[in-house]
Structures are given as structure tokens and as C-alpha cells.
PDB file of N, CA and C in Angstrom:
ATOM      1  N   MET A   1      -3.290 -14.036   6.547  1.00  0.00           N
ATOM      2  CA  MET A   1      -2.868 -13.339   5.261  1.00  0.00           C
ATOM      3  C   MET A   1      -4.258 -12.945   4.580  1.00  0.00           C
ATOM      4  N   LYS A   2      -4.307 -11.591   4.117  1.00  0.00           N
ATOM      5  CA  LYS A   2      -5.678 -11.322   3.552  1.00  0.00           C
ATOM      6  C   LYS A   2      -5.518 -11.318   2.036  1.00  0.00           C
ATOM      7  N   THR A   3      -6.603 -12.006   1.478  1.00  0.00           N
ATOM      8  CA  THR A   3      -6.704 -12.380   0.215  1.00  0.00           C
ATOM      9  C   THR A   3      -7.618 -11.683  -0.455  1.00  0.00           C
ATOM     10  N   SER A   4      -7.692 -11.488  -1.780  1.00  0.00           N
ATOM     11  CA  SER A   4      -8.804 -10.771  -2.710  1.00  0.00           C
ATOM     12  C   SER A   4      -9.033 -11.577  -3.818  1.00  0.00           C
ATOM     13  N   ASN A   5     -10.261 -11.118  -4.298  1.00  0.00           N
ATOM     14  CA  ASN A   5     -10.514 -12.060  -5.694  1.00  0.00           C
ATOM     15  C   ASN A   5     -10.198 -11.141  -6.639  1.00  0.00           C
ATOM     16  N   PHE A   6      -9.850 -11.790  -7.847  1.00  0.00           N
ATOM     17  CA  PHE A   6      -9.888 -11.154  -9.220  1.00  0.00           C
ATOM     18  C   PHE A   6      -9.919 -12.056 -10.363  1.00  0.00           C
ATOM     19  N   ALA A   7     -10.969 -11.578 -11.336  1.00  0.00           N
ATOM     20  CA  ALA A   7     -11.525 -12.148 -12.199  1.00  0.00           C
ATOM     21  C   ALA A   7     -10.351 -12.114 -13.434  1.00  0.00           C
ATOM     22  N   LEU A   8      -9.738 -13.314 -13.403  1.00  0.00           N
ATOM     23  CA  LEU A   8      -8.741 -13.299 -14.610  1.00  0.00           C
ATOM     24  C   LEU A   8      -9.087 -14.006 -15.554  1.00  0.00           C
ATOM     25  N   ARG A   9      -8.788 -13.213 -16.851  1.00  0.00           N
ATOM     26  CA  ARG A   9      -9.394 -13.801 -18.273  1.00  0.00           C
ATOM     27  C   ARG A   9      -7.965 -14.464 -19.096  1.00  0.00           C
ATOM     28  N   LEU A  10      -7.820 -15.681 -19.056  1.00  0.00           N
ATOM     29  CA  LEU A  10      -6.659 -16.318 -19.806  1.00  0.00           C
ATOM     30  C   LEU A  10      -7.273 -16.935 -21.132  1.00  0.00           C
ATOM     31  N   GLN A  11      -6.122 -16.698 -22.161  1.00  0.00           N
ATOM     32  CA  GLN A  11      -6.484 -17.298 -23.300  1.00  0.00           C
ATOM     33  C   GLN A  11      -6.572 -18.831 -23.125  1.00  0.00           C
ATOM     34  N   PRO A  12      -7.628 -19.541 -23.708  1.00  0.00           N
ATOM     35  CA  PRO A  12      -7.859 -21.099 -23.530  1.00  0.00           C
ATOM     36  C   PRO A  12      -6.711 -21.828 -23.342  1.00  0.00           C
ATOM     37  N   THR A  13      -5.770 -21.708 -24.414  1.00  0.00           N
ATOM     38  CA  THR A  13      -4.442 -22.535 -24.567  1.00  0.00           C
ATOM     39  C   THR A  13      -3.609 -22.036 -23.448  1.00  0.00           C
ATOM     40  N   LEU A  14      -3.379 -20.855 -22.786  1.00  0.00           N
ATOM     41  CA  LEU A  14      -2.669 -20.549 -21.713  1.00  0.00           C
ATOM     42  C   LEU A  14      -3.426 -21.224 -20.401  1.00  0.00           C
ATOM     43  N   LEU A  15      -4.568 -21.118 -20.396  1.00  0.00           N
ATOM     44  CA  LEU A  15      -5.239 -22.076 -19.171  1.00  0.00           C
ATOM     45  C   LEU A  15      -4.978 -23.464 -19.374  1.00  0.00           C
ATOM     46  N   GLU A  16      -5.188 -23.968 -20.448  1.00  0.00           N
ATOM     47  CA  GLU A  16      -4.754 -25.344 -20.307  1.00  0.00           C
ATOM     48  C   GLU A  16      -3.487 -25.641 -19.917  1.00  0.00           C
ATOM     49  N   GLU A  17      -2.461 -25.105 -20.332  1.00  0.00           N
ATOM     50  CA  GLU A  17      -1.031 -25.356 -20.292  1.00  0.00           C
ATOM     51  C   GLU A  17      -1.020 -24.944 -18.637  1.00  0.00           C
ATOM     52  N   ALA A  18      -1.445 -23.969 -18.090  1.00  0.00           N
ATOM     53  CA  ALA A  18      -1.239 -23.301 -16.640  1.00  0.00           C
ATOM     54  C   ALA A  18      -1.822 -24.825 -15.883  1.00  0.00           C
ATOM     55  N   ARG A  19      -3.124 -25.113 -16.192  1.00  0.00           N
ATOM     56  CA  ARG A  19      -3.644 -26.368 -15.309  1.00  0.00           C
ATOM     57  C   ARG A  19      -2.723 -27.410 -15.387  1.00  0.00           C
ATOM     58  N   ALA A  20      -2.128 -27.948 -16.757  1.00  0.00           N
ATOM     59  CA  ALA A  20      -1.022 -28.999 -16.938  1.00  0.00           C
ATOM     60  C   ALA A  20      -0.037 -28.906 -15.889  1.00  0.00           C
ATOM     61  N   LEU A  21       0.499 -27.621 -16.054  1.00  0.00           N
ATOM     62  CA  LEU A  21       1.730 -27.302 -15.239  1.00  0.00           C
ATOM     63  C   LEU A  21       1.379 -27.381 -13.524  1.00  0.00           C
ATOM     64  N   ALA A  22       0.433 -27.083 -13.437  1.00  0.00           N
ATOM     65  CA  ALA A  22      -0.109 -27.041 -11.774  1.00  0.00           C
ATOM     66  C   ALA A  22      -0.404 -28.446 -11.395  1.00  0.00           C
ATOM     67  N   LYS A  23      -0.760 -29.238 -12.300  1.00  0.00           N
ATOM     68  CA  LYS A  23      -1.129 -30.553 -11.922  1.00  0.00           C
ATOM     69  C   LYS A  23       0.297 -31.311 -11.828  1.00  0.00           C
ATOM     70  N   ALA A  24       1.250 -31.058 -12.599  1.00  0.00           N
ATOM     71  CA  ALA A  24       2.627 -31.776 -12.842  1.00  0.00           C
ATOM     72  C   ALA A  24       3.433 -31.138 -11.364  1.00  0.00           C
ATOM     73  N   GLU A  25       3.144 -30.130 -10.958  1.00  0.00           N
ATOM     74  CA  GLU A  25       3.693 -29.725  -9.905  1.00  0.00           C
ATOM     75  C   GLU A  25       3.088 -30.131  -8.523  1.00  0.00           C
ATOM     76  N   GLY A  26       2.053 -30.594  -8.681  1.00  0.00           N
ATOM     77  CA  GLY A  26       1.085 -30.966  -7.409  1.00  0.00           C
ATOM     78  C   GLY A  26       0.688 -29.796  -6.675  1.00  0.00           C
ATOM     79  N   VAL A  27       0.392 -28.545  -7.146  1.00  0.00           N
ATOM     80  CA  VAL A  27      -0.274 -27.492  -6.685  1.00  0.00           C
ATOM     81  C   VAL A  27      -1.490 -27.106  -7.244  1.00  0.00           C
ATOM     82  N   ALA A  28      -2.334 -26.259  -6.790  1.00  0.00           N
ATOM     83  CA  ALA A  28      -3.552 -25.814  -7.335  1.00  0.00           C
ATOM     84  C   ALA A  28      -3.341 -24.419  -8.171  1.00  0.00           C
ATOM     85  N   LEU A  29      -4.231 -24.561  -9.236  1.00  0.00           N
ATOM     86  CA  LEU A  29      -3.829 -23.341 -10.389  1.00  0.00           C
ATOM     87  C   LEU A  29      -3.737 -22.227  -9.689  1.00  0.00           C
ATOM     88  N   ASN A  30      -4.701 -21.886  -8.549  1.00  0.00           N
ATOM     89  CA  ASN A  30      -4.278 -20.391  -8.045  1.00  0.00           C
ATOM     90  C   ASN A  30      -2.936 -20.297  -7.420  1.00  0.00           C
ATOM     91  N   GLN A  31      -2.441 -21.297  -6.776  1.00  0.00           N
ATOM     92  CA  GLN A  31      -1.274 -21.274  -6.226  1.00  0.00           C
ATOM     93  C   GLN A  31      -0.310 -20.873  -7.277  1.00  0.00           C
ATOM     94  N   LEU A  32      -0.260 -21.534  -8.345  1.00  0.00           N
ATOM     95  CA  LEU A  32       0.682 -21.686  -9.707  1.00  0.00           C
ATOM     96  C   LEU A  32       0.685 -20.158 -10.028  1.00  0.00           C
ATOM     97  N   ILE A  33      -0.556 -19.471 -10.098  1.00  0.00           N
ATOM     98  CA  ILE A  33      -0.731 -18.224 -10.669  1.00  0.00           C
ATOM     99  C   ILE A  33      -0.057 -17.215  -9.639  1.00  0.00           C
ATOM    100  N   ASN A  34      -0.269 -17.376  -8.443  1.00  0.00           N
ATOM    101  CA  ASN A  34       0.399 -16.651  -7.452  1.00  0.00           C
ATOM    102  C   ASN A  34       1.723 -16.453  -7.281  1.00  0.00           C
ATOM    103  N   VAL A  35       2.530 -17.873  -7.615  1.00  0.00           N
ATOM    104  CA  VAL A  35       3.718 -17.694  -7.617  1.00  0.00           C
ATOM    105  C   VAL A  35       4.455 -17.249  -8.873  1.00  0.00           C
ATOM    106  N   ALA A  36       3.664 -17.466 -10.109  1.00  0.00           N
ATOM    107  CA  ALA A  36       4.045 -16.626 -11.193  1.00  0.00           C
ATOM    108  C   ALA A  36       4.029 -15.068 -11.372  1.00  0.00           C
ATOM    109  N   VAL A  37       3.049 -14.747 -10.383  1.00  0.00           N
ATOM    110  CA  VAL A  37       3.092 -13.329 -10.541  1.00  0.00           C
ATOM    111  C   VAL A  37       4.096 -12.832  -9.690  1.00  0.00           C
ATOM    112  N   ALA A  38       4.356 -13.426  -8.476  1.00  0.00           N
ATOM    113  CA  ALA A  38       5.376 -13.221  -7.548  1.00  0.00           C
ATOM    114  C   ALA A  38       6.555 -13.202  -8.314  1.00  0.00           C
ATOM    115  N   GLU A  39       6.883 -14.162  -8.944  1.00  0.00           N
ATOM    116  CA  GLU A  39       8.299 -14.439  -9.697  1.00  0.00           C
ATOM    117  C   GLU A  39       8.537 -12.914 -10.776  1.00  0.00           C
ATOM    118  N   LYS A  40       7.421 -12.951 -11.464  1.00  0.00           N
ATOM    119  CA  LYS A  40       7.590 -11.691 -12.273  1.00  0.00           C
ATOM    120  C   LYS A  40       8.003 -10.431 -11.547  1.00  0.00           C
ATOM    121  N   LEU A  41       7.069 -10.217 -10.711  1.00  0.00           N
ATOM    122  CA  LEU A  41       7.266  -8.982  -9.778  1.00  0.00           C
ATOM    123  C   LEU A  41       8.701  -8.936  -9.206  1.00  0.00           C
ATOM    124  N   ALA A  42       9.487 -10.114  -8.577  1.00  0.00           N
ATOM    125  CA  ALA A  42      10.572 -10.128  -8.212  1.00  0.00           C
ATOM    126  C   ALA A  42      11.598 -10.089  -9.256  1.00  0.00           C
ATOM    127  N   VAL A  43      11.392 -10.266 -10.736  1.00  0.00           N
ATOM    128  CA  VAL A  43      12.354 -10.020 -11.709  1.00  0.00           C
ATOM    129  C   VAL A  43      12.268  -8.475 -11.966  1.00  0.00           C
ATOM    130  N   TRP A  44      10.915  -7.783 -12.020  1.00  0.00           N
ATOM    131  CA  TRP A  44      10.824  -6.552 -12.373  1.00  0.00           C
ATOM    132  C   TRP A  44      11.743  -5.724 -11.020  1.00  0.00           C
ATOM    133  N   ARG A  45      11.421  -5.975  -9.963  1.00  0.00           N
ATOM    134  CA  ARG A  45      12.091  -5.188  -8.822  1.00  0.00           C
ATOM    135  C   ARG A  45      13.655  -5.244  -8.708  1.00  0.00           C
ATOM    136  N   THR A  46      14.009  -6.586  -9.200  1.00  0.00           N
ATOM    137  CA  THR A  46      15.356  -6.730  -9.392  1.00  0.00           C
ATOM    138  C   THR A  46      16.241  -5.887 -10.578  1.00  0.00           C
ATOM    139  N   ARG A  47      15.432  -5.870 -11.736  1.00  0.00           N
ATOM    140  CA  ARG A  47      15.948  -5.047 -12.719  1.00  0.00           C
ATOM    141  C   ARG A  47      16.031  -3.373 -12.249  1.00  0.00           C
ATOM    142  N   GLU A  48      14.990  -3.094 -11.610  1.00  0.00           N
ATOM    143  CA  GLU A  48      14.371  -1.661 -11.352  1.00  0.00           C
ATOM    144  C   GLU A  48      15.841  -1.453 -10.133  1.00  0.00           C
ATOM    145  N   PHE A  49      16.013  -2.201  -9.261  1.00  0.00           N
ATOM    146  CA  PHE A  49      17.257  -2.199  -8.282  1.00  0.00           C
ATOM    147  C   PHE A  49      18.424  -1.819  -8.863  1.00  0.00           C
ATOM    148  N   PHE A  50      18.958  -2.928  -9.877  1.00  0.00           N
ATOM    149  CA  PHE A  50      19.905  -2.578 -10.672  1.00  0.00           C
ATOM    150  C   PHE A  50      20.112  -1.517 -11.484  1.00  0.00           C
ATOM    151  N   GLU A  51      19.173  -1.249 -12.184  1.00  0.00           N
ATOM    152  CA  GLU A  51      19.169   0.013 -12.845  1.00  0.00           C
ATOM    153  C   GLU A  51      19.359   1.344 -12.033  1.00  0.00           C
ATOM    154  N   ARG A  52      18.648   1.386 -10.788  1.00  0.00           N
ATOM    155  CA  ARG A  52      18.790   2.405  -9.969  1.00  0.00           C
ATOM    156  C   ARG A  52      20.369   2.707  -9.381  1.00  0.00           C
ATOM    157  N   TYR A  53      20.925   1.419  -8.918  1.00  0.00           N
ATOM    158  CA  TYR A  53      22.321   1.681  -8.270  1.00  0.00           C
ATOM    159  C   TYR A  53      23.442   1.409  -9.457  1.00  0.00           C
ATOM    160  N   THR A  54      23.147   1.274 -10.611  1.00  0.00           N
ATOM    161  CA  THR A  54      24.159   1.383 -11.441  1.00  0.00           C
ATOM    162  C   THR A  54      24.146   2.643 -12.346  1.00  0.00           C
ATOM    163  N   ARG A  55      23.330   3.286 -12.366  1.00  0.00           N
ATOM    164  CA  ARG A  55      23.014   4.521 -13.095  1.00  0.00           C
ATOM    165  C   ARG A  55      24.068   5.329 -13.277  1.00  0.00           C
ATOM    166  N   ASP A  56      24.987   5.631 -12.343  1.00  0.00           N
ATOM    167  CA  ASP A  56      25.926   6.614 -12.381  1.00  0.00           C
ATOM    168  C   ASP A  56      27.348   5.600 -12.131  1.00  0.00           C
ATOM    169  N   ALA A  57      27.428   4.219 -12.277  1.00  0.00           N
ATOM    170  CA  ALA A  57      28.335   3.365 -12.094  1.00  0.00           C
ATOM    171  C   ALA A  57      29.577   3.799 -13.142  1.00  0.00           C
ATOM    172  N   ASP A  58      30.830   3.605 -12.703  1.00  0.00           N
ATOM    173  CA  ASP A  58      31.972   3.837 -13.498  1.00  0.00           C
ATOM    174  C   ASP A  58      32.265   2.411 -14.011  1.00  0.00           C
ATOM    175  N   VAL A  59      31.918   1.893 -15.128  1.00  0.00           N
ATOM    176  CA  VAL A  59      31.944   0.671 -15.740  1.00  0.00           C
ATOM    177  C   VAL A  59      33.579   0.188 -15.919  1.00  0.00           C
ATOM    178  N   GLY A  60      34.368   1.235 -16.276  1.00  0.00           N
ATOM    179  CA  GLY A  60      35.698   1.160 -16.476  1.00  0.00           C
ATOM    180  C   GLY A  60      36.436   0.843 -15.219  1.00  0.00           C
ATOM    181  N   ARG A  61      36.129   1.435 -14.163  1.00  0.00           N
ATOM    182  CA  ARG A  61      36.636   1.315 -12.816  1.00  0.00           C
ATOM    183  C   ARG A  61      36.290  -0.018 -12.134  1.00  0.00           C
ATOM    184  N   ALA A  62      35.181  -0.410 -12.438  1.00  0.00           N
ATOM    185  CA  ALA A  62      34.558  -1.663 -11.930  1.00  0.00           C
ATOM    186  C   ALA A  62      35.416  -2.985 -12.827  1.00  0.00           C
ATOM    187  N   LEU A  63      35.449  -2.735 -13.983  1.00  0.00           N
ATOM    188  CA  LEU A  63      36.174  -3.589 -14.535  1.00  0.00           C
ATOM    189  C   LEU A  63      37.582  -3.682 -14.135  1.00  0.00           C
ATOM    190  N   GLU A  64      38.184  -2.707 -14.037  1.00  0.00           N
ATOM    191  CA  GLU A  64      39.617  -2.820 -13.103  1.00  0.00           C
ATOM    192  C   GLU A  64      39.676  -3.464 -12.046  1.00  0.00           C
ATOM    193  N   LEU A  65      38.584  -3.287 -11.071  1.00  0.00           N
ATOM    194  CA  LEU A  65      38.971  -3.852  -9.883  1.00  0.00           C
ATOM    195  C   LEU A  65      38.722  -5.475  -9.931  1.00  0.00           C
ATOM    196  N   LEU A  66      37.549  -5.930 -11.014  1.00  0.00           N
ATOM    197  CA  LEU A  66      37.589  -7.336 -11.111  1.00  0.00           C
ATOM    198  C   LEU A  66      38.754  -7.838 -11.803  1.00  0.00           C
ATOM    199  N   ASN A  67      39.340  -7.221 -12.549  1.00  0.00           N
ATOM    200  CA  ASN A  67      40.611  -8.012 -13.533  1.00  0.00           C
ATOM    201  C   ASN A  67      41.747  -8.095 -12.578  1.00  0.00           C
ATOM    202  N   ARG A  68      41.747  -7.190 -11.414  1.00  0.00           N
ATOM    203  CA  ARG A  68      42.872  -7.481 -10.471  1.00  0.00           C
ATOM    204  C   ARG A  68      42.612  -8.353  -9.244  1.00  0.00           C
ATOM    205  N   SER A  69      41.349  -8.698  -9.169  1.00  0.00           N
ATOM    206  CA  SER A  69      41.218  -9.406  -8.179  1.00  0.00           C
ATOM    207  C   SER A  69      41.583 -10.846  -8.213  1.00  0.00           C
ATOM    208  N   GLY A  70      42.175 -11.435  -7.292  1.00  0.00           N
ATOM    209  CA  GLY A  70      42.599 -12.955  -7.512  1.00  0.00           C
ATOM    210  C   GLY A  70      43.787 -13.169  -7.959  1.00  0.00           C
ATOM    211  N   GLY A  71      43.699 -12.879  -9.386  1.00  0.00           N
ATOM    212  CA  GLY A  71      44.940 -12.863 -10.450  1.00  0.00           C
ATOM    213  C   GLY A  71      44.921 -14.564 -10.587  1.00  0.00           C
ATOM    214  N   ASP A  72      46.206 -15.042 -10.391  1.00  0.00           N
ATOM    215  CA  ASP A  72      46.564 -16.285 -10.477  1.00  0.00           C
ATOM    216  C   ASP A  72      46.740 -16.860  -9.116  1.00  0.00           C
ATOM    217  N   LYS A  73      46.294 -16.512  -8.140  1.00  0.00           N
ATOM    218  CA  LYS A  73      46.392 -17.123  -6.723  1.00  0.00           C
ATOM    219  C   LYS A  73      45.435 -18.230  -6.595  1.00  0.00           C
ATOM    220  N   GLN A  74      45.984 -19.208  -5.941  1.00  0.00           N
ATOM    221  CA  GLN A  74      45.002 -20.509  -5.464  1.00  0.00           C
ATOM    222  C   GLN A  74      44.077 -19.896  -4.295  1.00  0.00           C
ATOM    223  N   PRO A  75      42.925 -20.738  -4.201  1.00  0.00           N
ATOM    224  CA  PRO A  75      41.884 -20.576  -3.172  1.00  0.00           C
ATOM    225  C   PRO A  75      42.484 -20.796  -1.864  1.00  0.00           C
ATOM    226  N   LEU A  76      42.120 -20.162  -0.884  1.00  0.00           N
ATOM    227  CA  LEU A  76      42.550 -20.139   0.134  1.00  0.00           C
ATOM    228  C   LEU A  76      41.825 -21.369   1.202  1.00  0.00           C
ATOM    229  N   PRO A  77      42.456 -21.822   2.352  1.00  0.00           N
ATOM    230  CA  PRO A  77      41.525 -22.792   2.662  1.00  0.00           C
ATOM    231  C   PRO A  77      40.345 -22.192   3.376  1.00  0.00           C
ATOM    232  N   GLY A  78      39.086 -22.896   3.365  1.00  0.00           N
ATOM    233  CA  GLY A  78      37.839 -22.247   3.568  1.00  0.00           C
ATOM    234  C   GLY A  78      37.051 -21.701   2.502  1.00  0.00           C
ATOM    235  N   ASP A  79      37.737 -21.412   1.282  1.00  0.00           N
ATOM    236  CA  ASP A  79      37.217 -20.813   0.093  1.00  0.00           C
ATOM    237  C   ASP A  79      36.307 -21.572  -0.672  1.00  0.00           C
ATOM    238  N   GLU A  80      36.718 -23.026  -0.226  1.00  0.00           N
ATOM    239  CA  GLU A  80      35.774 -24.147  -1.055  1.00  0.00           C
ATOM    240  C   GLU A  80      34.208 -24.149  -1.004  1.00  0.00           C
ATOM    241  N   LEU A  81      33.406 -24.619  -1.815  1.00  0.00           N
ATOM    242  CA  LEU A  81      32.050 -24.512  -1.746  1.00  0.00           C
ATOM    243  C   LEU A  81      31.471 -25.646  -0.712  1.00  0.00           C
ATOM    244  N   PRO A  82      30.557 -25.586   0.193  1.00  0.00           N
ATOM    245  CA  PRO A  82      30.149 -26.612   0.965  1.00  0.00           C
ATOM    246  C   PRO A  82      29.859 -27.707   0.165  1.00  0.00           C
ATOM    247  N   ALA A  83      30.142 -29.095   1.024  1.00  0.00           N
ATOM    248  CA  ALA A  83      29.689 -30.287   0.076  1.00  0.00           C
ATOM    249  C   ALA A  83      28.448 -30.597  -0.182  1.00  0.00           C
ATOM    250  N   ALA A  84      27.458 -29.973   0.515  1.00  0.00           N
ATOM    251  CA  ALA A  84      26.070 -30.113   0.111  1.00  0.00           C
ATOM    252  C   ALA A  84      25.683 -29.643  -1.076  1.00  0.00           C
ATOM    253  N   TRP A  85      26.437 -28.566  -1.658  1.00  0.00           N
ATOM    254  CA  TRP A  85      26.039 -27.914  -2.698  1.00  0.00           C
ATOM    255  C   TRP A  85      26.707 -28.655  -4.002  1.00  0.00           C
ATOM    256  N   LYS A  86      27.709 -29.501  -3.653  1.00  0.00           N
ATOM    257  CA  LYS A  86      28.356 -30.296  -4.931  1.00  0.00           C
ATOM    258  C   LYS A  86      27.504 -31.436  -5.093  1.00  0.00           C
ATOM    259  N   GLU A  87      26.382 -32.016  -3.949  1.00  0.00           N
ATOM    260  CA  GLU A  87      25.748 -33.193  -3.988  1.00  0.00           C
ATOM    261  C   GLU A  87      24.287 -32.635  -4.632  1.00  0.00           C
ATOM    262  N   ARG A  88      24.018 -31.402  -4.679  1.00  0.00           N
ATOM    263  CA  ARG A  88      22.699 -31.018  -5.132  1.00  0.00           C
ATOM    264  C   ARG A  88      22.315 -31.416  -6.629  1.00  0.00           C
ATOM    265  N   GLN A  89      21.304 -31.793  -6.713  1.00  0.00           N
ATOM    266  CA  GLN A  89      20.494 -32.330  -7.828  1.00  0.00           C
ATOM    267  C   GLN A  89      19.968 -31.208  -8.714  1.00  0.00           C
ATOM    268  N   PRO A  90      20.295 -31.447 -10.111  1.00  0.00           N
ATOM    269  CA  PRO A  90      19.699 -30.420 -10.977  1.00  0.00           C
ATOM    270  C   PRO A  90      18.157 -30.080 -10.801  1.00  0.00           C
ATOM    271  N   VAL A  91      17.736 -28.971 -11.167  1.00  0.00           N
ATOM    272  CA  VAL A  91      16.293 -28.651 -11.062  1.00  0.00           C
ATOM    273  C   VAL A  91      15.686 -29.561 -12.086  1.00  0.00           C
ATOM    274  N   ARG A  92      14.407 -30.233 -11.474  1.00  0.00           N
ATOM    275  CA  ARG A  92      13.637 -31.057 -12.079  1.00  0.00           C
ATOM    276  C   ARG A  92      12.948 -30.163 -13.258  1.00  0.00           C
ATOM    277  N   LYS A  93      13.036 -30.581 -14.650  1.00  0.00           N
ATOM    278  CA  LYS A  93      12.133 -29.856 -15.707  1.00  0.00           C
ATOM    279  C   LYS A  93      11.013 -30.547 -15.856  1.00  0.00           C
ATOM    280  N   VAL A  94       9.698 -29.944 -15.998  1.00  0.00           N
ATOM    281  CA  VAL A  94       8.488 -30.428 -16.393  1.00  0.00           C
ATOM    282  C   VAL A  94       8.228 -30.030 -17.872  1.00  0.00           C
ATOM    283  N   LYS A  95       7.823 -31.262 -18.517  1.00  0.00           N
ATOM    284  CA  LYS A  95       7.522 -30.949 -19.769  1.00  0.00           C
ATOM    285  C   LYS A  95       5.842 -30.776 -20.001  1.00  0.00           C
ATOM    286  N   VAL A  96       5.495 -29.630 -20.682  1.00  0.00           N
ATOM    287  CA  VAL A  96       4.183 -29.386 -20.870  1.00  0.00           C
ATOM    288  C   VAL A  96       3.887 -29.546 -22.322  1.00  0.00           C
ATOM    289  N   ARG A  97       3.054 -30.219 -22.798  1.00  0.00           N
ATOM    290  CA  ARG A  97       2.835 -30.218 -24.171  1.00  0.00           C
ATOM    291  C   ARG A  97       1.566 -29.212 -24.672  1.00  0.00           C
ATOM    292  N   ALA A  98       1.634 -28.198 -25.419  1.00  0.00           N
ATOM    293  CA  ALA A  98       0.868 -27.283 -25.941  1.00  0.00           C
ATOM    294  C   ALA A  98      -0.179 -27.979 -26.864  1.00  0.00           C
ATOM    295  N   THR A  99      -1.388 -27.636 -26.532  1.00  0.00           N
ATOM    296  CA  THR A  99      -2.414 -28.201 -27.580  1.00  0.00           C
ATOM    297  C   THR A  99      -3.023 -26.958 -28.150  1.00  0.00           C
ATOM    298  N   ARG A 100      -3.592 -27.193 -29.188  1.00  0.00           N
ATOM    299  CA  ARG A 100      -4.517 -26.137 -29.820  1.00  0.00           C
ATOM    300  C   ARG A 100      -6.084 -26.273 -29.365  1.00  0.00           C
ATOM    301  N   SER A 101      -6.557 -25.372 -29.092  1.00  0.00           N
ATOM    302  CA  SER A 101      -8.006 -25.391 -28.988  1.00  0.00           C
ATOM    303  C   SER A 101      -8.722 -24.909 -30.290  1.00  0.00           C
ATOM    304  N   LYS A 102     -10.068 -25.552 -30.296  1.00  0.00           N
ATOM    305  CA  LYS A 102     -10.600 -25.331 -31.718  1.00  0.00           C
ATOM    306  C   LYS A 102     -11.622 -24.367 -31.540  1.00  0.00           C
TER     307      LYS A 102
END
């Protein structure tokens, strides 16, 4: 994988919080920033995708289809969630305390 260097100027409080989060997550600050940028790009691409593919959508027709699907029918055998999904633990939340720089 090819990498490149980029001088990033962060506000001191943001840098402090980013360092604390990276430490809490057990990753390098560089890795945290890479993941944060990747997540932001994924959100942007997803929004762009849905804007492009729903531009000419017929919302009324879509709602009609959603309203008629399933009705009051019971789920069929095989429609249940895998057992592993029911056993999943919630995502761990990390508390980062904001501090003010002087």
C-alpha cells in the first residue's frame, strides 16, 4: 500500500481529544485519523449514491409497495435472525473528557 505524508494542523483541543480516543481504542493517532477520514468519505459517498438513485424516485409508489408488503402475515420458517445476532453485545462506548487548553 502506498502512503503519503500530509501536514495536518489541528486545534490543540481536537488533537488532545484525538490522542485520548486513539489511546482508549488502542490504536496509533495516525490510524485513528485514517479511519475517521475513511468513515467521513463513506458517509459522503453513501449520501451521494442515494441522492443520485432517488432523484427521479416516485415516493408515493414506493410507499404503496412498502405498505402492502407482508401485511399481517406471520414470518415464514427461515425468516428469523441468526442466533449469533441475538447474542451480539452492544458497541462499547468510549468516554473522552474534553479539556480546555490555556
